[in-house]
mmCIF file of all heavy atoms, coordinates in Angstrom:
data_MODEL
# 
_entry.id   MODEL 
# 
loop_
_atom_site.group_PDB 
_atom_site.id 
_atom_site.type_symbol 
_atom_site.label_atom_id 
_atom_site.label_alt_id 
_atom_site.label_comp_id 
_atom_site.label_asym_id 
_atom_site.label_entity_id 
_atom_site.label_seq_id 
_atom_site.pdbx_PDB_ins_code 
_atom_site.Cartn_x 
_atom_site.Cartn_y 
_atom_site.Cartn_z 
_atom_site.occupancy 
_atom_site.B_iso_or_equiv 
_atom_site.pdbx_formal_charge 
_atom_site.auth_seq_id 
_atom_site.auth_comp_id 
_atom_site.auth_asym_id 
_atom_site.auth_atom_id 
_atom_site.pdbx_PDB_model_num 
ATOM 1   N N   . THR A 1 1  ? 47.814 59.094 32.259 1.00 0.00 ? 1  THR A N   1 
ATOM 2   C CA  . THR A 1 1  ? 48.268 60.384 32.025 1.00 0.00 ? 1  THR A CA  1 
ATOM 3   C C   . THR A 1 1  ? 49.454 60.309 31.039 1.00 0.00 ? 1  THR A C   1 
ATOM 4   O O   . THR A 1 1  ? 50.404 59.533 31.280 1.00 0.00 ? 1  THR A O   1 
ATOM 5   C CB  . THR A 1 1  ? 48.739 61.125 33.287 1.00 0.00 ? 1  THR A CB  1 
ATOM 6   O OG1 . THR A 1 1  ? 47.718 61.306 34.143 1.00 0.00 ? 1  THR A OG1 1 
ATOM 7   C CG2 . THR A 1 1  ? 49.319 62.425 33.072 1.00 0.00 ? 1  THR A CG2 1 
ATOM 8   N N   . THR A 1 2  ? 49.457 61.167 30.072 1.00 0.00 ? 2  THR A N   1 
ATOM 9   C CA  . THR A 1 2  ? 50.509 61.260 29.188 1.00 0.00 ? 2  THR A CA  1 
ATOM 10  C C   . THR A 1 2  ? 51.212 62.720 29.241 1.00 0.00 ? 2  THR A C   1 
ATOM 11  O O   . THR A 1 2  ? 50.408 63.641 29.453 1.00 0.00 ? 2  THR A O   1 
ATOM 12  C CB  . THR A 1 2  ? 50.196 61.026 27.680 1.00 0.00 ? 2  THR A CB  1 
ATOM 13  O OG1 . THR A 1 2  ? 51.386 61.119 26.943 1.00 0.00 ? 2  THR A OG1 1 
ATOM 14  C CG2 . THR A 1 2  ? 49.235 61.959 27.201 1.00 0.00 ? 2  THR A CG2 1 
ATOM 15  N N   . ARG A 1 3  ? 52.418 62.788 29.289 1.00 0.00 ? 3  ARG A N   1 
ATOM 16  C CA  . ARG A 1 3  ? 53.136 64.132 29.331 1.00 0.00 ? 3  ARG A CA  1 
ATOM 17  C C   . ARG A 1 3  ? 54.113 64.308 28.233 1.00 0.00 ? 3  ARG A C   1 
ATOM 18  O O   . ARG A 1 3  ? 54.696 63.315 27.623 1.00 0.00 ? 3  ARG A O   1 
ATOM 19  C CB  . ARG A 1 3  ? 53.892 64.208 30.694 1.00 0.00 ? 3  ARG A CB  1 
ATOM 20  C CG  . ARG A 1 3  ? 53.087 64.091 31.977 1.00 0.00 ? 3  ARG A CG  1 
ATOM 21  C CD  . ARG A 1 3  ? 53.796 64.268 33.189 1.00 0.00 ? 3  ARG A CD  1 
ATOM 22  N NE  . ARG A 1 3  ? 52.891 64.357 34.421 1.00 0.00 ? 3  ARG A NE  1 
ATOM 23  C CZ  . ARG A 1 3  ? 52.425 63.327 35.059 1.00 0.00 ? 3  ARG A CZ  1 
ATOM 24  N NH1 . ARG A 1 3  ? 52.845 62.115 34.693 1.00 0.00 ? 3  ARG A NH1 1 
ATOM 25  N NH2 . ARG A 1 3  ? 51.749 63.433 36.109 1.00 0.00 ? 3  ARG A NH2 1 
ATOM 26  N N   . LEU A 1 4  ? 54.148 65.617 27.779 1.00 0.00 ? 4  LEU A N   1 
ATOM 27  C CA  . LEU A 1 4  ? 55.113 65.888 26.702 1.00 0.00 ? 4  LEU A CA  1 
ATOM 28  C C   . LEU A 1 4  ? 56.020 66.974 27.187 1.00 0.00 ? 4  LEU A C   1 
ATOM 29  O O   . LEU A 1 4  ? 55.554 68.094 27.478 1.00 0.00 ? 4  LEU A O   1 
ATOM 30  C CB  . LEU A 1 4  ? 54.284 66.386 25.606 1.00 0.00 ? 4  LEU A CB  1 
ATOM 31  C CG  . LEU A 1 4  ? 55.067 66.703 24.290 1.00 0.00 ? 4  LEU A CG  1 
ATOM 32  C CD1 . LEU A 1 4  ? 55.725 65.560 23.661 1.00 0.00 ? 4  LEU A CD1 1 
ATOM 33  C CD2 . LEU A 1 4  ? 54.295 67.403 23.232 1.00 0.00 ? 4  LEU A CD2 1 
ATOM 34  N N   . LEU A 1 5  ? 57.293 66.655 27.357 1.00 0.00 ? 5  LEU A N   1 
ATOM 35  C CA  . LEU A 1 5  ? 58.243 67.615 27.778 1.00 0.00 ? 5  LEU A CA  1 
ATOM 36  C C   . LEU A 1 5  ? 58.927 68.196 26.442 1.00 0.00 ? 5  LEU A C   1 
ATOM 37  O O   . LEU A 1 5  ? 59.400 67.447 25.670 1.00 0.00 ? 5  LEU A O   1 
ATOM 38  C CB  . LEU A 1 5  ? 59.394 66.983 28.584 1.00 0.00 ? 5  LEU A CB  1 
ATOM 39  C CG  . LEU A 1 5  ? 60.648 67.802 29.015 1.00 0.00 ? 5  LEU A CG  1 
ATOM 40  C CD1 . LEU A 1 5  ? 60.102 69.057 29.757 1.00 0.00 ? 5  LEU A CD1 1 
ATOM 41  C CD2 . LEU A 1 5  ? 61.684 67.040 29.733 1.00 0.00 ? 5  LEU A CD2 1 
ATOM 42  N N   . MET A 1 6  ? 58.749 69.517 26.323 1.00 0.00 ? 6  MET A N   1 
ATOM 43  C CA  . MET A 1 6  ? 59.229 70.196 25.119 1.00 0.00 ? 6  MET A CA  1 
ATOM 44  C C   . MET A 1 6  ? 60.353 71.016 25.449 1.00 0.00 ? 6  MET A C   1 
ATOM 45  O O   . MET A 1 6  ? 60.194 72.028 26.199 1.00 0.00 ? 6  MET A O   1 
ATOM 46  C CB  . MET A 1 6  ? 58.104 71.051 24.498 1.00 0.00 ? 6  MET A CB  1 
ATOM 47  C CG  . MET A 1 6  ? 56.811 70.114 24.117 1.00 0.00 ? 6  MET A CG  1 
ATOM 48  S SD  . MET A 1 6  ? 55.494 71.052 23.341 1.00 0.00 ? 6  MET A SD  1 
ATOM 49  C CE  . MET A 1 6  ? 55.030 72.238 24.619 1.00 0.00 ? 6  MET A CE  1 
ATOM 50  N N   . ASN A 1 7  ? 61.534 70.777 25.024 1.00 0.00 ? 7  ASN A N   1 
ATOM 51  C CA  . ASN A 1 7  ? 62.801 71.547 25.175 1.00 0.00 ? 7  ASN A CA  1 
ATOM 52  C C   . ASN A 1 7  ? 63.099 72.099 23.835 1.00 0.00 ? 7  ASN A C   1 
ATOM 53  O O   . ASN A 1 7  ? 62.741 71.770 22.725 1.00 0.00 ? 7  ASN A O   1 
ATOM 54  C CB  . ASN A 1 7  ? 63.768 70.658 25.684 1.00 0.00 ? 7  ASN A CB  1 
ATOM 55  C CG  . ASN A 1 7  ? 63.653 70.129 27.078 1.00 0.00 ? 7  ASN A CG  1 
ATOM 56  O OD1 . ASN A 1 7  ? 63.111 70.824 27.916 1.00 0.00 ? 7  ASN A OD1 1 
ATOM 57  N ND2 . ASN A 1 7  ? 64.044 68.834 27.361 1.00 0.00 ? 7  ASN A ND2 1 
ATOM 58  N N   . SER A 1 8  ? 64.016 73.162 23.979 1.00 0.00 ? 8  SER A N   1 
ATOM 59  C CA  . SER A 1 8  ? 64.540 73.887 22.814 1.00 0.00 ? 8  SER A CA  1 
ATOM 60  C C   . SER A 1 8  ? 63.447 74.294 21.902 1.00 0.00 ? 8  SER A C   1 
ATOM 61  O O   . SER A 1 8  ? 63.482 74.061 20.713 1.00 0.00 ? 8  SER A O   1 
ATOM 62  C CB  . SER A 1 8  ? 65.531 73.061 22.178 1.00 0.00 ? 8  SER A CB  1 
ATOM 63  O OG  . SER A 1 8  ? 66.660 72.636 22.961 1.00 0.00 ? 8  SER A OG  1 
ATOM 64  N N   . LEU A 1 9  ? 62.444 74.872 22.402 1.00 0.00 ? 9  LEU A N   1 
ATOM 65  C CA  . LEU A 1 9  ? 61.348 75.293 21.606 1.00 0.00 ? 9  LEU A CA  1 
ATOM 66  C C   . LEU A 1 9  ? 61.551 76.273 20.565 1.00 0.00 ? 9  LEU A C   1 
ATOM 67  O O   . LEU A 1 9  ? 62.448 77.232 20.785 1.00 0.00 ? 9  LEU A O   1 
ATOM 68  C CB  . LEU A 1 9  ? 60.201 75.759 22.528 1.00 0.00 ? 9  LEU A CB  1 
ATOM 69  C CG  . LEU A 1 9  ? 59.276 74.677 23.218 1.00 0.00 ? 9  LEU A CG  1 
ATOM 70  C CD1 . LEU A 1 9  ? 58.558 75.375 24.377 1.00 0.00 ? 9  LEU A CD1 1 
ATOM 71  C CD2 . LEU A 1 9  ? 58.382 74.009 22.368 1.00 0.00 ? 9  LEU A CD2 1 
ATOM 72  N N   . GLU A 1 10 ? 60.922 76.170 19.421 1.00 0.00 ? 10 GLU A N   1 
ATOM 73  C CA  . GLU A 1 10 ? 61.139 77.086 18.374 1.00 0.00 ? 10 GLU A CA  1 
ATOM 74  C C   . GLU A 1 10 ? 59.873 77.759 18.001 1.00 0.00 ? 10 GLU A C   1 
ATOM 75  O O   . GLU A 1 10 ? 58.807 77.247 18.203 1.00 0.00 ? 10 GLU A O   1 
ATOM 76  C CB  . GLU A 1 10 ? 61.767 76.233 17.077 1.00 0.00 ? 10 GLU A CB  1 
ATOM 77  C CG  . GLU A 1 10 ? 63.016 75.552 17.478 1.00 0.00 ? 10 GLU A CG  1 
ATOM 78  C CD  . GLU A 1 10 ? 63.382 74.499 16.330 1.00 0.00 ? 10 GLU A CD  1 
ATOM 79  O OE1 . GLU A 1 10 ? 62.548 74.272 15.404 1.00 0.00 ? 10 GLU A OE1 1 
ATOM 80  O OE2 . GLU A 1 10 ? 64.473 73.972 16.387 1.00 0.00 ? 10 GLU A OE2 1 
ATOM 81  N N   . PRO A 1 11 ? 59.923 78.921 17.290 1.00 0.00 ? 11 PRO A N   1 
ATOM 82  C CA  . PRO A 1 11 ? 58.684 79.484 16.840 1.00 0.00 ? 11 PRO A CA  1 
ATOM 83  C C   . PRO A 1 11 ? 57.745 78.575 15.972 1.00 0.00 ? 11 PRO A C   1 
ATOM 84  O O   . PRO A 1 11 ? 56.524 78.661 16.037 1.00 0.00 ? 11 PRO A O   1 
ATOM 85  C CB  . PRO A 1 11 ? 59.127 80.798 16.041 1.00 0.00 ? 11 PRO A CB  1 
ATOM 86  C CG  . PRO A 1 11 ? 60.454 81.055 16.573 1.00 0.00 ? 11 PRO A CG  1 
ATOM 87  C CD  . PRO A 1 11 ? 61.038 79.688 16.995 1.00 0.00 ? 11 PRO A CD  1 
ATOM 88  N N   . GLU A 1 12 ? 58.315 77.625 15.261 1.00 0.00 ? 12 GLU A N   1 
ATOM 89  C CA  . GLU A 1 12 ? 57.619 76.779 14.438 1.00 0.00 ? 12 GLU A CA  1 
ATOM 90  C C   . GLU A 1 12 ? 56.837 75.764 15.266 1.00 0.00 ? 12 GLU A C   1 
ATOM 91  O O   . GLU A 1 12 ? 55.915 75.084 14.756 1.00 0.00 ? 12 GLU A O   1 
ATOM 92  C CB  . GLU A 1 12 ? 58.487 75.994 13.457 1.00 0.00 ? 12 GLU A CB  1 
ATOM 93  C CG  . GLU A 1 12 ? 59.175 76.887 12.371 1.00 0.00 ? 12 GLU A CG  1 
ATOM 94  C CD  . GLU A 1 12 ? 60.167 77.785 12.909 1.00 0.00 ? 12 GLU A CD  1 
ATOM 95  O OE1 . GLU A 1 12 ? 60.855 77.486 14.030 1.00 0.00 ? 12 GLU A OE1 1 
ATOM 96  O OE2 . GLU A 1 12 ? 60.567 78.749 12.213 1.00 0.00 ? 12 GLU A OE2 1 
ATOM 97  N N   . ASP A 1 13 ? 57.125 75.658 16.572 1.00 0.00 ? 13 ASP A N   1 
ATOM 98  C CA  . ASP A 1 13 ? 56.331 74.787 17.412 1.00 0.00 ? 13 ASP A CA  1 
ATOM 99  C C   . ASP A 1 13 ? 55.025 75.486 17.931 1.00 0.00 ? 13 ASP A C   1 
ATOM 100 O O   . ASP A 1 13 ? 54.218 74.716 18.576 1.00 0.00 ? 13 ASP A O   1 
ATOM 101 C CB  . ASP A 1 13 ? 57.172 74.399 18.681 1.00 0.00 ? 13 ASP A CB  1 
ATOM 102 C CG  . ASP A 1 13 ? 58.493 73.622 18.289 1.00 0.00 ? 13 ASP A CG  1 
ATOM 103 O OD1 . ASP A 1 13 ? 58.254 72.660 17.483 1.00 0.00 ? 13 ASP A OD1 1 
ATOM 104 O OD2 . ASP A 1 13 ? 59.496 73.886 18.957 1.00 0.00 ? 13 ASP A OD2 1 
ATOM 105 N N   . THR A 1 14 ? 54.763 76.691 17.614 1.00 0.00 ? 14 THR A N   1 
ATOM 106 C CA  . THR A 1 14 ? 53.686 77.401 17.969 1.00 0.00 ? 14 THR A CA  1 
ATOM 107 C C   . THR A 1 14 ? 52.426 76.718 17.341 1.00 0.00 ? 14 THR A C   1 
ATOM 108 O O   . THR A 1 14 ? 52.325 76.551 16.110 1.00 0.00 ? 14 THR A O   1 
ATOM 109 C CB  . THR A 1 14 ? 53.715 78.927 17.529 1.00 0.00 ? 14 THR A CB  1 
ATOM 110 O OG1 . THR A 1 14 ? 54.742 79.519 18.264 1.00 0.00 ? 14 THR A OG1 1 
ATOM 111 C CG2 . THR A 1 14 ? 52.416 79.563 17.907 1.00 0.00 ? 14 THR A CG2 1 
ATOM 112 N N   . ALA A 1 15 ? 51.481 76.346 18.165 1.00 0.00 ? 15 ALA A N   1 
ATOM 113 C CA  . ALA A 1 15 ? 50.308 75.649 17.619 1.00 0.00 ? 15 ALA A CA  1 
ATOM 114 C C   . ALA A 1 15 ? 49.330 75.345 18.901 1.00 0.00 ? 15 ALA A C   1 
ATOM 115 O O   . ALA A 1 15 ? 49.719 75.590 20.077 1.00 0.00 ? 15 ALA A O   1 
ATOM 116 C CB  . ALA A 1 15 ? 50.735 74.258 17.115 1.00 0.00 ? 15 ALA A CB  1 
ATOM 117 N N   . THR A 1 16 ? 48.284 74.888 18.588 1.00 0.00 ? 16 THR A N   1 
ATOM 118 C CA  . THR A 1 16 ? 47.332 74.211 19.609 1.00 0.00 ? 16 THR A CA  1 
ATOM 119 C C   . THR A 1 16 ? 47.662 72.778 19.649 1.00 0.00 ? 16 THR A C   1 
ATOM 120 O O   . THR A 1 16 ? 47.597 72.111 18.629 1.00 0.00 ? 16 THR A O   1 
ATOM 121 C CB  . THR A 1 16 ? 45.802 74.445 19.208 1.00 0.00 ? 16 THR A CB  1 
ATOM 122 O OG1 . THR A 1 16 ? 45.618 75.812 18.988 1.00 0.00 ? 16 THR A OG1 1 
ATOM 123 C CG2 . THR A 1 16 ? 44.893 73.932 20.320 1.00 0.00 ? 16 THR A CG2 1 
ATOM 124 N N   . TYR A 1 17 ? 47.951 72.362 20.828 1.00 0.00 ? 17 TYR A N   1 
ATOM 125 C CA  . TYR A 1 17 ? 48.388 71.018 21.050 1.00 0.00 ? 17 TYR A CA  1 
ATOM 126 C C   . TYR A 1 17 ? 47.244 70.167 21.613 1.00 0.00 ? 17 TYR A C   1 
ATOM 127 O O   . TYR A 1 17 ? 46.531 70.560 22.558 1.00 0.00 ? 17 TYR A O   1 
ATOM 128 C CB  . TYR A 1 17 ? 49.573 70.847 21.985 1.00 0.00 ? 17 TYR A CB  1 
ATOM 129 C CG  . TYR A 1 17 ? 50.803 71.232 21.325 1.00 0.00 ? 17 TYR A CG  1 
ATOM 130 C CD1 . TYR A 1 17 ? 51.063 72.569 20.980 1.00 0.00 ? 17 TYR A CD1 1 
ATOM 131 C CD2 . TYR A 1 17 ? 51.787 70.324 21.021 1.00 0.00 ? 17 TYR A CD2 1 
ATOM 132 C CE1 . TYR A 1 17 ? 52.290 72.887 20.335 1.00 0.00 ? 17 TYR A CE1 1 
ATOM 133 C CE2 . TYR A 1 17 ? 52.979 70.587 20.327 1.00 0.00 ? 17 TYR A CE2 1 
ATOM 134 C CZ  . TYR A 1 17 ? 53.165 71.942 20.026 1.00 0.00 ? 17 TYR A CZ  1 
ATOM 135 O OH  . TYR A 1 17 ? 54.376 72.203 19.401 1.00 0.00 ? 17 TYR A OH  1 
ATOM 136 N N   . TYR A 1 18 ? 46.835 69.016 21.074 1.00 0.00 ? 18 TYR A N   1 
ATOM 137 C CA  . TYR A 1 18 ? 45.809 68.177 21.415 1.00 0.00 ? 18 TYR A CA  1 
ATOM 138 C C   . TYR A 1 18 ? 46.298 66.870 21.810 1.00 0.00 ? 18 TYR A C   1 
ATOM 139 O O   . TYR A 1 18 ? 47.159 66.219 21.240 1.00 0.00 ? 18 TYR A O   1 
ATOM 140 C CB  . TYR A 1 18 ? 44.834 67.976 20.236 1.00 0.00 ? 18 TYR A CB  1 
ATOM 141 C CG  . TYR A 1 18 ? 44.153 69.202 19.699 1.00 0.00 ? 18 TYR A CG  1 
ATOM 142 C CD1 . TYR A 1 18 ? 44.740 69.977 18.708 1.00 0.00 ? 18 TYR A CD1 1 
ATOM 143 C CD2 . TYR A 1 18 ? 42.911 69.542 20.095 1.00 0.00 ? 18 TYR A CD2 1 
ATOM 144 C CE1 . TYR A 1 18 ? 44.140 71.096 18.289 1.00 0.00 ? 18 TYR A CE1 1 
ATOM 145 C CE2 . TYR A 1 18 ? 42.314 70.726 19.690 1.00 0.00 ? 18 TYR A CE2 1 
ATOM 146 C CZ  . TYR A 1 18 ? 42.890 71.558 18.730 1.00 0.00 ? 18 TYR A CZ  1 
ATOM 147 O OH  . TYR A 1 18 ? 42.307 72.651 18.298 1.00 0.00 ? 18 TYR A OH  1 
ATOM 148 N N   . CYS A 1 19 ? 45.629 66.370 22.938 1.00 0.00 ? 19 CYS A N   1 
ATOM 149 C CA  . CYS A 1 19 ? 45.882 64.949 23.324 1.00 0.00 ? 19 CYS A CA  1 
ATOM 150 C C   . CYS A 1 19 ? 44.827 64.149 22.701 1.00 0.00 ? 19 CYS A C   1 
ATOM 151 O O   . CYS A 1 19 ? 43.664 64.445 22.465 1.00 0.00 ? 19 CYS A O   1 
ATOM 152 C CB  . CYS A 1 19 ? 45.681 64.984 24.895 1.00 0.00 ? 19 CYS A CB  1 
ATOM 153 S SG  . CYS A 1 19 ? 45.952 63.272 25.604 1.00 0.00 ? 19 CYS A SG  1 
ATOM 154 N N   . ALA A 1 20 ? 45.127 62.856 22.422 1.00 0.00 ? 20 ALA A N   1 
ATOM 155 C CA  . ALA A 1 20 ? 44.354 61.915 21.769 1.00 0.00 ? 20 ALA A CA  1 
ATOM 156 C C   . ALA A 1 20 ? 44.624 60.506 22.288 1.00 0.00 ? 20 ALA A C   1 
ATOM 157 O O   . ALA A 1 20 ? 45.714 60.170 22.724 1.00 0.00 ? 20 ALA A O   1 
ATOM 158 C CB  . ALA A 1 20 ? 44.327 61.885 20.331 1.00 0.00 ? 20 ALA A CB  1 
ATOM 159 N N   . VAL A 1 21 ? 43.569 59.518 22.130 1.00 0.00 ? 21 VAL A N   1 
ATOM 160 C CA  . VAL A 1 21 ? 43.737 58.150 22.536 1.00 0.00 ? 21 VAL A CA  1 
ATOM 161 C C   . VAL A 1 21 ? 43.073 57.279 21.581 1.00 0.00 ? 21 VAL A C   1 
ATOM 162 O O   . VAL A 1 21 ? 42.039 57.722 21.033 1.00 0.00 ? 21 VAL A O   1 
ATOM 163 C CB  . VAL A 1 21 ? 43.312 57.938 23.942 1.00 0.00 ? 21 VAL A CB  1 
ATOM 164 C CG1 . VAL A 1 21 ? 41.824 58.214 24.101 1.00 0.00 ? 21 VAL A CG1 1 
ATOM 165 C CG2 . VAL A 1 21 ? 43.715 56.571 24.441 1.00 0.00 ? 21 VAL A CG2 1 
ATOM 166 N N   . ARG A 1 22 ? 43.533 56.153 21.324 1.00 0.00 ? 22 ARG A N   1 
ATOM 167 C CA  . ARG A 1 22 ? 42.989 55.154 20.501 1.00 0.00 ? 22 ARG A CA  1 
ATOM 168 C C   . ARG A 1 22 ? 43.361 53.758 21.047 1.00 0.00 ? 22 ARG A C   1 
ATOM 169 O O   . ARG A 1 22 ? 44.343 53.604 21.757 1.00 0.00 ? 22 ARG A O   1 
ATOM 170 C CB  . ARG A 1 22 ? 43.356 55.157 19.027 1.00 0.00 ? 22 ARG A CB  1 
ATOM 171 C CG  . ARG A 1 22 ? 44.831 54.988 18.764 1.00 0.00 ? 22 ARG A CG  1 
ATOM 172 C CD  . ARG A 1 22 ? 45.203 55.050 17.354 1.00 0.00 ? 22 ARG A CD  1 
ATOM 173 N NE  . ARG A 1 22 ? 44.620 53.961 16.470 1.00 0.00 ? 22 ARG A NE  1 
ATOM 174 C CZ  . ARG A 1 22 ? 44.517 53.902 15.191 1.00 0.00 ? 22 ARG A CZ  1 
ATOM 175 N NH1 . ARG A 1 22 ? 45.117 54.887 14.441 1.00 0.00 ? 22 ARG A NH1 1 
ATOM 176 N NH2 . ARG A 1 22 ? 43.943 52.903 14.667 1.00 0.00 ? 22 ARG A NH2 1 
ATOM 177 N N   . ASP A 1 23 ? 42.706 52.703 20.642 1.00 0.00 ? 23 ASP A N   1 
ATOM 178 C CA  . ASP A 1 23 ? 42.810 51.396 21.114 1.00 0.00 ? 23 ASP A CA  1 
ATOM 179 C C   . ASP A 1 23 ? 44.189 50.688 20.760 1.00 0.00 ? 23 ASP A C   1 
ATOM 180 O O   . ASP A 1 23 ? 44.711 49.896 21.540 1.00 0.00 ? 23 ASP A O   1 
ATOM 181 C CB  . ASP A 1 23 ? 41.674 50.419 20.856 1.00 0.00 ? 23 ASP A CB  1 
ATOM 182 C CG  . ASP A 1 23 ? 41.346 50.270 19.435 1.00 0.00 ? 23 ASP A CG  1 
ATOM 183 O OD1 . ASP A 1 23 ? 42.017 50.937 18.616 1.00 0.00 ? 23 ASP A OD1 1 
ATOM 184 O OD2 . ASP A 1 23 ? 40.526 49.372 19.095 1.00 0.00 ? 23 ASP A OD2 1 
ATOM 185 N N   . PHE A 1 24 ? 44.673 50.967 19.589 1.00 0.00 ? 24 PHE A N   1 
ATOM 186 C CA  . PHE A 1 24 ? 45.917 50.325 19.214 1.00 0.00 ? 24 PHE A CA  1 
ATOM 187 C C   . PHE A 1 24 ? 46.553 51.076 18.009 1.00 0.00 ? 24 PHE A C   1 
ATOM 188 O O   . PHE A 1 24 ? 45.801 51.614 17.129 1.00 0.00 ? 24 PHE A O   1 
ATOM 189 C CB  . PHE A 1 24 ? 45.643 48.949 18.746 1.00 0.00 ? 24 PHE A CB  1 
ATOM 190 C CG  . PHE A 1 24 ? 46.803 48.194 18.322 1.00 0.00 ? 24 PHE A CG  1 
ATOM 191 C CD1 . PHE A 1 24 ? 47.770 47.544 19.242 1.00 0.00 ? 24 PHE A CD1 1 
ATOM 192 C CD2 . PHE A 1 24 ? 47.005 47.808 17.101 1.00 0.00 ? 24 PHE A CD2 1 
ATOM 193 C CE1 . PHE A 1 24 ? 48.816 46.903 18.897 1.00 0.00 ? 24 PHE A CE1 1 
ATOM 194 C CE2 . PHE A 1 24 ? 48.209 47.068 16.594 1.00 0.00 ? 24 PHE A CE2 1 
ATOM 195 C CZ  . PHE A 1 24 ? 49.043 46.659 17.542 1.00 0.00 ? 24 PHE A CZ  1 
# 
């Protein structure tokens, strides 16, 4: 599990956020 704590959010942070994984 990965988590992203987002503080001090700004309007420019508005987006669809995607999780991804790769081997290296």
